[in-house]
């Protein structure tokens, strides 16, 4: 009985090895960070953050349409007060045109000094 289980396991492993790896990845990946920014606006340091002596990094991923306009943003990290300032200016950024939309990582460092 143990021999049969071993053979069955080997056959199963062999069959799994024949399945192409790409068949599990059905979603097409979007290129990340390949486009040049043509209109960049630096966020101002929020007064509330200054009062709180708040500093830190905000990480955002922007989905950029083929025409270079920001389609949407996803916050990846940062204090909410700082995130709001970053999101406000990101909507005004423009990238060079492309044939498809891309996901562009953006990072802002806020420091009251």
PDB file of N, CA and C in Angstrom:
ATOM      1  N   UNK A   1       0.823  -1.191   0.000  1.00  0.00           N
ATOM      2  CA  UNK A   1       0.000   0.000   0.000  1.00  0.00           C
ATOM      3  C   UNK A   1       0.869   1.257   0.000  1.00  0.00           C
ATOM      4  N   UNK A   2       1.961   1.247   0.723  1.00  0.00           N
ATOM      5  CA  UNK A   2       2.851   2.395   0.785  1.00  0.00           C
ATOM      6  C   UNK A   2       3.482   2.644  -0.580  1.00  0.00           C
ATOM      7  N   UNK A   3       3.803   1.552  -1.285  1.00  0.00           N
ATOM      8  CA  UNK A   3       4.383   1.684  -2.618  1.00  0.00           C
ATOM      9  C   UNK A   3       3.400   2.353  -3.582  1.00  0.00           C
ATOM     10  N   UNK A   4       2.128   2.000  -3.488  1.00  0.00           N
ATOM     11  CA  UNK A   4       1.105   2.596  -4.353  1.00  0.00           C
ATOM     12  C   UNK A   4       0.962   4.094  -4.071  1.00  0.00           C
ATOM     13  N   UNK A   5       0.998   4.465  -2.812  1.00  0.00           N
ATOM     14  CA  UNK A   5       0.902   5.890  -2.460  1.00  0.00           C
ATOM     15  C   UNK A   5       2.108   6.663  -2.991  1.00  0.00           C
ATOM     16  N   UNK A   6       3.256   6.068  -2.897  1.00  0.00           N
ATOM     17  CA  UNK A   6       4.464   6.720  -3.407  1.00  0.00           C
ATOM     18  C   UNK A   6       4.380   6.922  -4.913  1.00  0.00           C
ATOM     19  N   UNK A   7       3.916   5.911  -5.610  1.00  0.00           N
ATOM     20  CA  UNK A   7       3.777   6.004  -7.064  1.00  0.00           C
ATOM     21  C   UNK A   7       2.718   7.065  -7.409  1.00  0.00           C
ATOM     22  N   UNK A   8       1.612   7.061  -6.700  1.00  0.00           N
ATOM     23  CA  UNK A   8       0.552   8.036  -6.963  1.00  0.00           C
ATOM     24  C   UNK A   8       1.057   9.455  -6.711  1.00  0.00           C
ATOM     25  N   UNK A   9       1.826   9.637  -5.658  1.00  0.00           N
ATOM     26  CA  UNK A   9       2.393  10.948  -5.349  1.00  0.00           C
ATOM     27  C   UNK A   9       3.364  11.400  -6.439  1.00  0.00           C
ATOM     28  N   UNK A  10       4.191  10.500  -6.905  1.00  0.00           N
ATOM     29  CA  UNK A  10       5.133  10.831  -7.986  1.00  0.00           C
ATOM     30  C   UNK A  10       4.401  11.215  -9.268  1.00  0.00           C
ATOM     31  N   UNK A  11       3.342  10.490  -9.595  1.00  0.00           N
ATOM     32  CA  UNK A  11       2.560  10.795 -10.794  1.00  0.00           C
ATOM     33  C   UNK A  11       1.901  12.171 -10.648  1.00  0.00           C
ATOM     34  N   UNK A  12       1.377  12.465  -9.474  1.00  0.00           N
ATOM     35  CA  UNK A  12       0.744  13.757  -9.212  1.00  0.00           C
ATOM     36  C   UNK A  12       1.758  14.895  -9.327  1.00  0.00           C
ATOM     37  N   UNK A  13       2.928  14.718  -8.755  1.00  0.00           N
ATOM     38  CA  UNK A  13       3.978  15.741  -8.840  1.00  0.00           C
ATOM     39  C   UNK A  13       4.439  15.940 -10.278  1.00  0.00           C
ATOM     40  N   UNK A  14       4.576  14.849 -11.012  1.00  0.00           N
ATOM     41  CA  UNK A  14       4.981  14.937 -12.408  1.00  0.00           C
ATOM     42  C   UNK A  14       3.931  15.703 -13.225  1.00  0.00           C
ATOM     43  N   UNK A  15       2.642  15.407 -12.994  1.00  0.00           N
ATOM     44  CA  UNK A  15       1.563  16.094 -13.715  1.00  0.00           C
ATOM     45  C   UNK A  15       1.533  17.577 -13.362  1.00  0.00           C
ATOM     46  N   UNK A  16       1.757  17.908 -12.107  1.00  0.00           N
ATOM     47  CA  UNK A  16       1.769  19.314 -11.687  1.00  0.00           C
ATOM     48  C   UNK A  16       2.923  20.069 -12.335  1.00  0.00           C
ATOM     49  N   UNK A  17       4.036  19.409 -12.534  1.00  0.00           N
ATOM     50  CA  UNK A  17       5.197  20.051 -13.157  1.00  0.00           C
ATOM     51  C   UNK A  17       4.935  20.367 -14.630  1.00  0.00           C
ATOM     52  N   UNK A  18       4.035  19.669 -15.259  1.00  0.00           N
ATOM     53  CA  UNK A  18       3.736  19.895 -16.668  1.00  0.00           C
ATOM     54  C   UNK A  18       2.799  21.069 -16.901  1.00  0.00           C
ATOM     55  N   UNK A  19       2.087  21.514 -15.863  1.00  0.00           N
ATOM     56  CA  UNK A  19       1.165  22.637 -16.005  1.00  0.00           C
ATOM     57  C   UNK A  19       1.987  23.912 -16.142  1.00  0.00           C
ATOM     58  N   UNK A  20       1.768  24.681 -17.197  1.00  0.00           N
ATOM     59  CA  UNK A  20       2.544  25.916 -17.366  1.00  0.00           C
ATOM     60  C   UNK A  20       2.288  26.890 -16.223  1.00  0.00           C
ATOM     61  N   UNK A  21       3.337  27.533 -15.776  1.00  0.00           N
ATOM     62  CA  UNK A  21       3.230  28.467 -14.647  1.00  0.00           C
ATOM     63  C   UNK A  21       2.327  29.645 -14.986  1.00  0.00           C
ATOM     64  N   UNK A  22       2.314  30.089 -16.228  1.00  0.00           N
ATOM     65  CA  UNK A  22       1.517  31.255 -16.586  1.00  0.00           C
ATOM     66  C   UNK A  22       0.020  30.990 -16.536  1.00  0.00           C
ATOM     67  N   UNK A  23      -0.407  29.739 -16.494  1.00  0.00           N
ATOM     68  CA  UNK A  23      -1.834  29.471 -16.445  1.00  0.00           C
ATOM     69  C   UNK A  23      -2.438  29.892 -15.111  1.00  0.00           C
ATOM     70  N   UNK A  24      -1.631  30.065 -14.094  1.00  0.00           N
ATOM     71  CA  UNK A  24      -2.130  30.505 -12.806  1.00  0.00           C
ATOM     72  C   UNK A  24      -2.218  32.023 -12.717  1.00  0.00           C
ATOM     73  N   UNK A  25      -1.490  32.732 -13.540  1.00  0.00           N
ATOM     74  CA  UNK A  25      -1.483  34.193 -13.529  1.00  0.00           C
ATOM     75  C   UNK A  25      -2.373  34.692 -14.656  1.00  0.00           C
ATOM     76  N   UNK A  26      -3.650  34.836 -14.381  1.00  0.00           N
ATOM     77  CA  UNK A  26      -4.596  35.230 -15.403  1.00  0.00           C
ATOM     78  C   UNK A  26      -4.656  36.739 -15.613  1.00  0.00           C
ATOM     79  N   UNK A  27      -4.332  37.527 -14.566  1.00  0.00           N
ATOM     80  CA  UNK A  27      -4.387  38.969 -14.707  1.00  0.00           C
ATOM     81  C   UNK A  27      -3.133  39.481 -15.390  1.00  0.00           C
ATOM     82  N   UNK A  28      -3.330  40.418 -16.297  1.00  0.00           N
ATOM     83  CA  UNK A  28      -2.196  41.044 -16.973  1.00  0.00           C
ATOM     84  C   UNK A  28      -1.603  42.083 -16.031  1.00  0.00           C
ATOM     85  N   UNK A  29      -0.307  42.023 -15.817  1.00  0.00           N
ATOM     86  CA  UNK A  29       0.332  42.986 -14.940  1.00  0.00           C
ATOM     87  C   UNK A  29       0.499  44.310 -15.652  1.00  0.00           C
ATOM     88  N   UNK A  30       0.273  45.408 -14.919  1.00  0.00           N
ATOM     89  CA  UNK A  30       0.462  46.744 -15.460  1.00  0.00           C
ATOM     90  C   UNK A  30       1.899  47.175 -15.211  1.00  0.00           C
ATOM     91  N   UNK A  31       2.527  47.818 -16.187  1.00  0.00           N
ATOM     92  CA  UNK A  31       3.888  48.317 -15.971  1.00  0.00           C
ATOM     93  C   UNK A  31       3.926  49.301 -14.809  1.00  0.00           C
ATOM     94  N   UNK A  32       4.997  49.271 -14.059  1.00  0.00           N
ATOM     95  CA  UNK A  32       5.127  50.133 -12.886  1.00  0.00           C
ATOM     96  C   UNK A  32       6.286  51.089 -13.075  1.00  0.00           C
ATOM     97  N   UNK A  33       5.996  52.389 -12.910  1.00  0.00           N
ATOM     98  CA  UNK A  33       7.034  53.402 -12.850  1.00  0.00           C
ATOM     99  C   UNK A  33       7.870  53.603 -14.095  1.00  0.00           C
ATOM    100  N   UNK A  34       7.313  53.467 -15.259  1.00  0.00           N
ATOM    101  CA  UNK A  34       8.092  53.579 -16.484  1.00  0.00           C
ATOM    102  C   UNK A  34       7.942  54.928 -17.178  1.00  0.00           C
ATOM    103  N   UNK A  35       6.951  55.724 -16.794  1.00  0.00           N
ATOM    104  CA  UNK A  35       6.667  56.952 -17.531  1.00  0.00           C
ATOM    105  C   UNK A  35       7.299  58.177 -16.878  1.00  0.00           C
ATOM    106  N   UNK A  36       7.595  59.144 -17.718  1.00  0.00           N
ATOM    107  CA  UNK A  36       8.218  60.379 -17.263  1.00  0.00           C
ATOM    108  C   UNK A  36       7.133  61.381 -16.863  1.00  0.00           C
ATOM    109  N   UNK A  37       7.320  62.022 -15.715  1.00  0.00           N
ATOM    110  CA  UNK A  37       6.402  63.066 -15.260  1.00  0.00           C
ATOM    111  C   UNK A  37       6.737  64.341 -16.030  1.00  0.00           C
ATOM    112  N   UNK A  38       5.710  64.953 -16.649  1.00  0.00           N
ATOM    113  CA  UNK A  38       5.938  66.191 -17.396  1.00  0.00           C
ATOM    114  C   UNK A  38       5.426  67.410 -16.645  1.00  0.00           C
ATOM    115  N   UNK A  39       4.546  67.228 -15.664  1.00  0.00           N
ATOM    116  CA  UNK A  39       4.059  68.326 -14.834  1.00  0.00           C
ATOM    117  C   UNK A  39       3.972  67.844 -13.388  1.00  0.00           C
ATOM    118  N   UNK A  40       4.926  68.280 -12.590  1.00  0.00           N
ATOM    119  CA  UNK A  40       5.029  67.819 -11.205  1.00  0.00           C
ATOM    120  C   UNK A  40       4.816  69.020 -10.268  1.00  0.00           C
ATOM    121  N   UNK A  41       3.933  68.847  -9.285  1.00  0.00           N
ATOM    122  CA  UNK A  41       3.682  69.884  -8.289  1.00  0.00           C
ATOM    123  C   UNK A  41       4.067  69.310  -6.930  1.00  0.00           C
ATOM    124  N   UNK A  42       4.848  70.066  -6.186  1.00  0.00           N
ATOM    125  CA  UNK A  42       5.296  69.625  -4.866  1.00  0.00           C
ATOM    126  C   UNK A  42       4.241  70.018  -3.839  1.00  0.00           C
ATOM    127  N   UNK A  43       3.827  69.083  -2.977  1.00  0.00           N
ATOM    128  CA  UNK A  43       2.814  69.428  -1.971  1.00  0.00           C
ATOM    129  C   UNK A  43       3.378  70.371  -0.919  1.00  0.00           C
ATOM    130  N   UNK A  44       2.534  71.267  -0.449  1.00  0.00           N
ATOM    131  CA  UNK A  44       2.957  72.155   0.642  1.00  0.00           C
ATOM    132  C   UNK A  44       2.787  71.404   1.962  1.00  0.00           C
ATOM    133  N   UNK A  45       3.601  71.790   2.918  1.00  0.00           N
ATOM    134  CA  UNK A  45       3.559  71.158   4.240  1.00  0.00           C
ATOM    135  C   UNK A  45       2.306  71.660   4.950  1.00  0.00           C
ATOM    136  N   UNK A  46       1.387  70.789   5.358  1.00  0.00           N
ATOM    137  CA  UNK A  46       0.127  71.213   5.975  1.00  0.00           C
ATOM    138  C   UNK A  46       0.354  71.930   7.316  1.00  0.00           C
ATOM    139  N   UNK A  47      -0.427  72.972   7.551  1.00  0.00           N
ATOM    140  CA  UNK A  47      -0.301  73.735   8.798  1.00  0.00           C
ATOM    141  C   UNK A  47      -0.566  72.844  10.016  1.00  0.00           C
ATOM    142  N   UNK A  48      -1.546  71.966   9.930  1.00  0.00           N
ATOM    143  CA  UNK A  48      -1.832  71.062  11.047  1.00  0.00           C
ATOM    144  C   UNK A  48      -0.628  70.170  11.335  1.00  0.00           C
ATOM    145  N   UNK A  49       0.021  69.683  10.300  1.00  0.00           N
ATOM    146  CA  UNK A  49       1.214  68.851  10.477  1.00  0.00           C
ATOM    147  C   UNK A  49       2.334  69.661  11.124  1.00  0.00           C
ATOM    148  N   UNK A  50       2.451  70.934  10.749  1.00  0.00           N
ATOM    149  CA  UNK A  50       3.463  71.808  11.340  1.00  0.00           C
ATOM    150  C   UNK A  50       3.190  71.999  12.832  1.00  0.00           C
ATOM    151  N   UNK A  51       1.924  72.225  13.174  1.00  0.00           N
ATOM    152  CA  UNK A  51       1.530  72.398  14.574  1.00  0.00           C
ATOM    153  C   UNK A  51       1.831  71.150  15.388  1.00  0.00           C
ATOM    154  N   UNK A  52       1.618  70.000  14.785  1.00  0.00           N
ATOM    155  CA  UNK A  52       1.850  68.721  15.465  1.00  0.00           C
ATOM    156  C   UNK A  52       3.309  68.282  15.380  1.00  0.00           C
ATOM    157  N   UNK A  53       4.145  69.081  14.676  1.00  0.00           N
ATOM    158  CA  UNK A  53       5.542  68.717  14.436  1.00  0.00           C
ATOM    159  C   UNK A  53       5.622  67.319  13.811  1.00  0.00           C
ATOM    160  N   UNK A  54       4.749  67.111  12.864  1.00  0.00           N
ATOM    161  CA  UNK A  54       4.603  65.807  12.205  1.00  0.00           C
ATOM    162  C   UNK A  54       5.512  65.732  10.987  1.00  0.00           C
ATOM    163  N   UNK A  55       6.232  64.634  10.870  1.00  0.00           N
ATOM    164  CA  UNK A  55       7.030  64.401   9.675  1.00  0.00           C
ATOM    165  C   UNK A  55       6.886  62.940   9.290  1.00  0.00           C
ATOM    166  N   UNK A  56       7.204  62.662   8.044  1.00  0.00           N
ATOM    167  CA  UNK A  56       7.102  61.282   7.591  1.00  0.00           C
ATOM    168  C   UNK A  56       7.031  61.178   6.093  1.00  0.00           C
ATOM    169  N   UNK A  57       6.862  59.957   5.634  1.00  0.00           N
ATOM    170  CA  UNK A  57       6.825  59.645   4.205  1.00  0.00           C
ATOM    171  C   UNK A  57       5.430  59.195   3.824  1.00  0.00           C
ATOM    172  N   UNK A  58       4.978  59.668   2.685  1.00  0.00           N
ATOM    173  CA  UNK A  58       3.704  59.235   2.118  1.00  0.00           C
ATOM    174  C   UNK A  58       4.026  58.475   0.838  1.00  0.00           C
ATOM    175  N   UNK A  59       3.481  57.265   0.742  1.00  0.00           N
ATOM    176  CA  UNK A  59       3.662  56.445  -0.461  1.00  0.00           C
ATOM    177  C   UNK A  59       2.309  56.280  -1.135  1.00  0.00           C
ATOM    178  N   UNK A  60       2.277  56.575  -2.417  1.00  0.00           N
ATOM    179  CA  UNK A  60       1.042  56.518  -3.198  1.00  0.00           C
ATOM    180  C   UNK A  60       1.335  55.813  -4.513  1.00  0.00           C
ATOM    181  N   UNK A  61       0.352  55.091  -5.007  1.00  0.00           N
ATOM    182  CA  UNK A  61       0.447  54.520  -6.343  1.00  0.00           C
ATOM    183  C   UNK A  61      -0.643  55.171  -7.185  1.00  0.00           C
ATOM    184  N   UNK A  62      -0.248  55.840  -8.260  1.00  0.00           N
ATOM    185  CA  UNK A  62      -1.199  56.500  -9.157  1.00  0.00           C
ATOM    186  C   UNK A  62      -1.431  55.628 -10.381  1.00  0.00           C
ATOM    187  N   UNK A  63      -2.686  55.485 -10.746  1.00  0.00           N
ATOM    188  CA  UNK A  63      -3.022  54.833 -12.012  1.00  0.00           C
ATOM    189  C   UNK A  63      -3.126  55.966 -13.024  1.00  0.00           C
ATOM    190  N   UNK A  64      -2.272  55.913 -14.034  1.00  0.00           N
ATOM    191  CA  UNK A  64      -2.185  56.976 -15.020  1.00  0.00           C
ATOM    192  C   UNK A  64      -2.755  56.489 -16.352  1.00  0.00           C
ATOM    193  N   UNK A  65      -3.710  57.263 -16.875  1.00  0.00           N
ATOM    194  CA  UNK A  65      -4.362  56.933 -18.141  1.00  0.00           C
ATOM    195  C   UNK A  65      -3.380  57.106 -19.300  1.00  0.00           C
ATOM    196  N   UNK A  66      -3.704  56.532 -20.454  1.00  0.00           N
ATOM    197  CA  UNK A  66      -2.818  56.678 -21.612  1.00  0.00           C
ATOM    198  C   UNK A  66      -2.507  58.131 -21.996  1.00  0.00           C
ATOM    199  N   UNK A  67      -3.442  59.043 -21.729  1.00  0.00           N
ATOM    200  CA  UNK A  67      -3.210  60.449 -22.075  1.00  0.00           C
ATOM    201  C   UNK A  67      -2.314  61.176 -21.063  1.00  0.00           C
ATOM    202  N   UNK A  68      -1.925  60.507 -19.976  1.00  0.00           N
ATOM    203  CA  UNK A  68      -1.031  61.096 -18.986  1.00  0.00           C
ATOM    204  C   UNK A  68      -1.717  61.656 -17.763  1.00  0.00           C
ATOM    205  N   UNK A  69      -3.033  61.667 -17.744  1.00  0.00           N
ATOM    206  CA  UNK A  69      -3.784  62.183 -16.599  1.00  0.00           C
ATOM    207  C   UNK A  69      -3.923  61.100 -15.522  1.00  0.00           C
ATOM    208  N   UNK A  70      -4.029  61.539 -14.272  1.00  0.00           N
ATOM    209  CA  UNK A  70      -4.215  60.606 -13.166  1.00  0.00           C
ATOM    210  C   UNK A  70      -5.653  60.093 -13.187  1.00  0.00           C
ATOM    211  N   UNK A  71      -5.774  58.795 -13.212  1.00  0.00           N
ATOM    212  CA  UNK A  71      -7.089  58.150 -13.230  1.00  0.00           C
ATOM    213  C   UNK A  71      -7.569  57.870 -11.804  1.00  0.00           C
ATOM    214  N   UNK A  72      -6.656  57.387 -10.967  1.00  0.00           N
ATOM    215  CA  UNK A  72      -6.980  57.123  -9.566  1.00  0.00           C
ATOM    216  C   UNK A  72      -5.686  57.020  -8.767  1.00  0.00           C
ATOM    217  N   UNK A  73      -5.827  57.108  -7.442  1.00  0.00           N
ATOM    218  CA  UNK A  73      -4.673  56.959  -6.561  1.00  0.00           C
ATOM    219  C   UNK A  73      -5.010  55.975  -5.452  1.00  0.00           C
ATOM    220  N   UNK A  74      -3.986  55.257  -5.017  1.00  0.00           N
ATOM    221  CA  UNK A  74      -4.125  54.320  -3.900  1.00  0.00           C
ATOM    222  C   UNK A  74      -3.022  54.647  -2.900  1.00  0.00           C
ATOM    223  N   UNK A  75      -3.420  54.933  -1.683  1.00  0.00           N
ATOM    224  CA  UNK A  75      -2.460  55.251  -0.628  1.00  0.00           C
ATOM    225  C   UNK A  75      -1.837  53.950  -0.141  1.00  0.00           C
ATOM    226  N   UNK A  76      -0.513  53.921  -0.128  1.00  0.00           N
ATOM    227  CA  UNK A  76       0.224  52.741   0.321  1.00  0.00           C
ATOM    228  C   UNK A  76       0.821  52.928   1.707  1.00  0.00           C
ATOM    229  N   UNK A  77       0.843  54.184   2.198  1.00  0.00           N
ATOM    230  CA  UNK A  77       1.365  54.416   3.539  1.00  0.00           C
ATOM    231  C   UNK A  77       1.533  55.894   3.820  1.00  0.00           C
ATOM    232  N   UNK A  78       1.474  56.235   5.103  1.00  0.00           N
ATOM    233  CA  UNK A  78       1.681  57.612   5.511  1.00  0.00           C
ATOM    234  C   UNK A  78       0.621  58.084   6.485  1.00  0.00           C
ATOM    235  N   UNK A  79       0.951  59.150   7.227  1.00  0.00           N
ATOM    236  CA  UNK A  79       0.011  59.744   8.179  1.00  0.00           C
ATOM    237  C   UNK A  79      -1.131  60.406   7.408  1.00  0.00           C
ATOM    238  N   UNK A  80      -2.387  60.254   7.863  1.00  0.00           N
ATOM    239  CA  UNK A  80      -3.540  60.805   7.138  1.00  0.00           C
ATOM    240  C   UNK A  80      -3.457  62.309   6.852  1.00  0.00           C
ATOM    241  N   UNK A  81      -2.895  63.086   7.754  1.00  0.00           N
ATOM    242  CA  UNK A  81      -2.771  64.529   7.516  1.00  0.00           C
ATOM    243  C   UNK A  81      -1.836  64.783   6.330  1.00  0.00           C
ATOM    244  N   UNK A  82      -0.755  64.035   6.263  1.00  0.00           N
ATOM    245  CA  UNK A  82       0.201  64.195   5.173  1.00  0.00           C
ATOM    246  C   UNK A  82      -0.328  63.594   3.879  1.00  0.00           C
ATOM    247  N   UNK A  83      -1.067  62.512   3.991  1.00  0.00           N
ATOM    248  CA  UNK A  83      -1.643  61.850   2.811  1.00  0.00           C
ATOM    249  C   UNK A  83      -2.569  62.806   2.068  1.00  0.00           C
ATOM    250  N   UNK A  84      -3.375  63.537   2.785  1.00  0.00           N
ATOM    251  CA  UNK A  84      -4.325  64.454   2.147  1.00  0.00           C
ATOM    252  C   UNK A  84      -3.601  65.492   1.294  1.00  0.00           C
ATOM    253  N   UNK A  85      -2.520  66.053   1.818  1.00  0.00           N
ATOM    254  CA  UNK A  85      -1.747  67.040   1.062  1.00  0.00           C
ATOM    255  C   UNK A  85      -1.150  66.421  -0.200  1.00  0.00           C
ATOM    256  N   UNK A  86      -0.665  65.195  -0.088  1.00  0.00           N
ATOM    257  CA  UNK A  86      -0.072  64.513  -1.239  1.00  0.00           C
ATOM    258  C   UNK A  86      -1.134  64.192  -2.291  1.00  0.00           C
ATOM    259  N   UNK A  87      -2.273  63.683  -1.864  1.00  0.00           N
ATOM    260  CA  UNK A  87      -3.340  63.331  -2.809  1.00  0.00           C
ATOM    261  C   UNK A  87      -3.824  64.549  -3.584  1.00  0.00           C
ATOM    262  N   UNK A  88      -3.905  65.693  -2.911  1.00  0.00           N
ATOM    263  CA  UNK A  88      -4.389  66.913  -3.567  1.00  0.00           C
ATOM    264  C   UNK A  88      -3.511  67.321  -4.746  1.00  0.00           C
ATOM    265  N   UNK A  89      -2.195  67.196  -4.620  1.00  0.00           N
ATOM    266  CA  UNK A  89      -1.327  67.609  -5.719  1.00  0.00           C
ATOM    267  C   UNK A  89      -1.158  66.526  -6.780  1.00  0.00           C
ATOM    268  N   UNK A  90      -1.234  65.279  -6.390  1.00  0.00           N
ATOM    269  CA  UNK A  90      -1.062  64.180  -7.357  1.00  0.00           C
ATOM    270  C   UNK A  90      -2.115  64.275  -8.466  1.00  0.00           C
ATOM    271  N   UNK A  91      -3.316  64.682  -8.111  1.00  0.00           N
ATOM    272  CA  UNK A  91      -4.383  64.802  -9.123  1.00  0.00           C
ATOM    273  C   UNK A  91      -4.026  65.803 -10.210  1.00  0.00           C
ATOM    274  N   UNK A  92      -3.099  66.713  -9.929  1.00  0.00           N
ATOM    275  CA  UNK A  92      -2.693  67.737 -10.900  1.00  0.00           C
ATOM    276  C   UNK A  92      -1.463  67.336 -11.718  1.00  0.00           C
ATOM    277  N   UNK A  93      -0.819  66.242 -11.340  1.00  0.00           N
ATOM    278  CA  UNK A  93       0.363  65.786 -12.077  1.00  0.00           C
ATOM    279  C   UNK A  93      -0.045  65.282 -13.454  1.00  0.00           C
ATOM    280  N   UNK A  94       0.900  65.349 -14.395  1.00  0.00           N
ATOM    281  CA  UNK A  94       0.703  64.791 -15.732  1.00  0.00           C
ATOM    282  C   UNK A  94       1.960  64.040 -16.146  1.00  0.00           C
ATOM    283  N   UNK A  95       1.743  62.903 -16.804  1.00  0.00           N
ATOM    284  CA  UNK A  95       2.831  62.078 -17.322  1.00  0.00           C
ATOM    285  C   UNK A  95       2.835  62.155 -18.842  1.00  0.00           C
ATOM    286  N   UNK A  96       3.923  61.703 -19.426  1.00  0.00           N
ATOM    287  CA  UNK A  96       3.989  61.650 -20.880  1.00  0.00           C
ATOM    288  C   UNK A  96       2.962  60.629 -21.372  1.00  0.00           C
ATOM    289  N   UNK A  97       2.405  60.832 -22.555  1.00  0.00           N
ATOM    290  CA  UNK A  97       1.424  59.889 -23.109  1.00  0.00           C
ATOM    291  C   UNK A  97       2.038  58.497 -23.325  1.00  0.00           C
ATOM    292  N   UNK A  98       1.181  57.492 -23.289  1.00  0.00           N
ATOM    293  CA  UNK A  98       1.595  56.106 -23.511  1.00  0.00           C
ATOM    294  C   UNK A  98       0.467  55.368 -24.226  1.00  0.00           C
ATOM    295  N   UNK A  99       0.729  54.147 -24.616  1.00  0.00           N
ATOM    296  CA  UNK A  99      -0.285  53.365 -25.327  1.00  0.00           C
ATOM    297  C   UNK A  99      -1.269  52.667 -24.393  1.00  0.00           C
ATOM    298  N   UNK A 100      -0.952  52.648 -23.091  1.00  0.00           N
ATOM    299  CA  UNK A 100      -1.800  51.968 -22.122  1.00  0.00           C
ATOM    300  C   UNK A 100      -1.651  52.647 -20.756  1.00  0.00           C
ATOM    301  N   UNK A 101      -2.554  52.337 -19.845  1.00  0.00           N
ATOM    302  CA  UNK A 101      -2.434  52.927 -18.505  1.00  0.00           C
ATOM    303  C   UNK A 101      -1.327  52.217 -17.730  1.00  0.00           C
ATOM    304  N   UNK A 102      -0.746  52.950 -16.791  1.00  0.00           N
ATOM    305  CA  UNK A 102       0.336  52.406 -15.976  1.00  0.00           C
ATOM    306  C   UNK A 102       0.093  52.715 -14.501  1.00  0.00           C
ATOM    307  N   UNK A 103       0.809  52.000 -13.659  1.00  0.00           N
ATOM    308  CA  UNK A 103       0.771  52.231 -12.212  1.00  0.00           C
ATOM    309  C   UNK A 103       2.101  52.872 -11.840  1.00  0.00           C
ATOM    310  N   UNK A 104       2.040  54.084 -11.306  1.00  0.00           N
ATOM    311  CA  UNK A 104       3.239  54.853 -11.011  1.00  0.00           C
ATOM    312  C   UNK A 104       3.396  55.044  -9.505  1.00  0.00           C
ATOM    313  N   UNK A 105       4.471  54.512  -8.920  1.00  0.00           N
ATOM    314  CA  UNK A 105       4.720  54.708  -7.486  1.00  0.00           C
ATOM    315  C   UNK A 105       5.270  56.116  -7.241  1.00  0.00           C
ATOM    316  N   UNK A 106       4.768  56.762  -6.192  1.00  0.00           N
ATOM    317  CA  UNK A 106       5.194  58.115  -5.841  1.00  0.00           C
ATOM    318  C   UNK A 106       5.449  58.148  -4.342  1.00  0.00           C
ATOM    319  N   UNK A 107       6.507  58.844  -3.962  1.00  0.00           N
ATOM    320  CA  UNK A 107       6.853  58.960  -2.548  1.00  0.00           C
ATOM    321  C   UNK A 107       7.185  60.413  -2.227  1.00  0.00           C
ATOM    322  N   UNK A 108       6.563  60.933  -1.170  1.00  0.00           N
ATOM    323  CA  UNK A 108       6.836  62.282  -0.690  1.00  0.00           C
ATOM    324  C   UNK A 108       7.393  62.194   0.718  1.00  0.00           C
ATOM    325  N   UNK A 109       8.426  62.972   0.991  1.00  0.00           N
ATOM    326  CA  UNK A 109       8.979  63.057   2.336  1.00  0.00           C
ATOM    327  C   UNK A 109       8.621  64.418   2.911  1.00  0.00           C
ATOM    328  N   UNK A 110       7.871  64.413   3.996  1.00  0.00           N
ATOM    329  CA  UNK A 110       7.456  65.646   4.661  1.00  0.00           C
ATOM    330  C   UNK A 110       8.308  65.841   5.911  1.00  0.00           C
ATOM    331  N   UNK A 111       8.864  67.048   6.049  1.00  0.00           N
ATOM    332  CA  UNK A 111       9.675  67.384   7.213  1.00  0.00           C
ATOM    333  C   UNK A 111       9.480  68.877   7.487  1.00  0.00           C
ATOM    334  N   UNK A 112       9.149  69.261   8.724  1.00  0.00           N
ATOM    335  CA  UNK A 112       8.872  70.673   9.012  1.00  0.00           C
ATOM    336  C   UNK A 112      10.097  71.574   8.917  1.00  0.00           C
ATOM    337  N   UNK A 113      11.273  71.036   8.800  1.00  0.00           N
ATOM    338  CA  UNK A 113      12.490  71.862   8.768  1.00  0.00           C
ATOM    339  C   UNK A 113      12.738  72.459   7.426  1.00  0.00           C
TER     340      UNK A 113
END
